[in-house]
Amino acid sequence: MNDVRFDWDRAARTGVSEVVLAQGKSAAQIAGIVRQAADRGQSLLITRFSPEHCDAVRRDCGEPIDYDEASRTAIFGDPEPAQDTRSVGVVCAGTSDLPVALEAQRSLTYLGVGNVLYADVGVAGLWRLISVAEELKRHSVLIAVAGMEGSLFSVLSGLVPGVVIAVPTSIGYGVSSGGRVALDSALSSCSPGVVCVNIDNGFGAAAAARKMLQGARPAGSTDGESSR
């Protein structure tokens, strides 16, 4: 494939393998990448993967593929083995934000990171977030997914000791349309420990969480136990 130069060695260099963004690619291009992966015996994560893409790849490649329509992600081959005993909490503000939260969760699973999803705990009903606050404190890294005004990011960070990776979503209307208000809310948060990825970037948050956990592991450690 002359139009695709896939970075098969990225995991060795950076700790996170290259992931296929299906958006903007033809089914033939994606199928070609999957065939290369099959020939190499390597797994793949594909994001923004449509049902039409999935049908075409299954037809053209004849390879089994794990497709989740809600998150628009597909996994070819086996996810990476668990790298750490710790898990990441994925905190989703509303049911409408769930597709992005599921992209983050599926990406974590593919990257070998244990995870727990806490869905529909937005601050409009603060009791919902408070009801799981003690569980959330157990995670050293949390991914917070929210649209509209994005208030979840600051409120969550004020309740837990862990780092909060904010994922603003494009869910919203009026002044909140497109996710810019949620993005500005994350970037302007006065709550220490909030970092931010781009709008709807569930995979980016998962990759950052993976690297944070790797960076927190002492040199020579293999069991995921953090230093004290």
Foldseek 3Di string as FASTA:
>chain_A
DVVDDADQCVCVVPVDHDAAECVPPDLVVVLVVLQVCVVVVHKHKYFLAAPVSVVSSCVVNVADWAADHLLRMIIGHAADAAQAPAAEEEEEQAPVQVSLSVVLVVLLVSSRHHYDYQYNCHCVVVVSCVVCLVVNQRHQEYEYEEFDQQPCQQVNLVRHPHAYEYAFEQPDDDVRHGRPNNVVCQVPHPRPRYHYDYYSCSNVSNVVVVVVLVVQPDPPDRHSDGDD
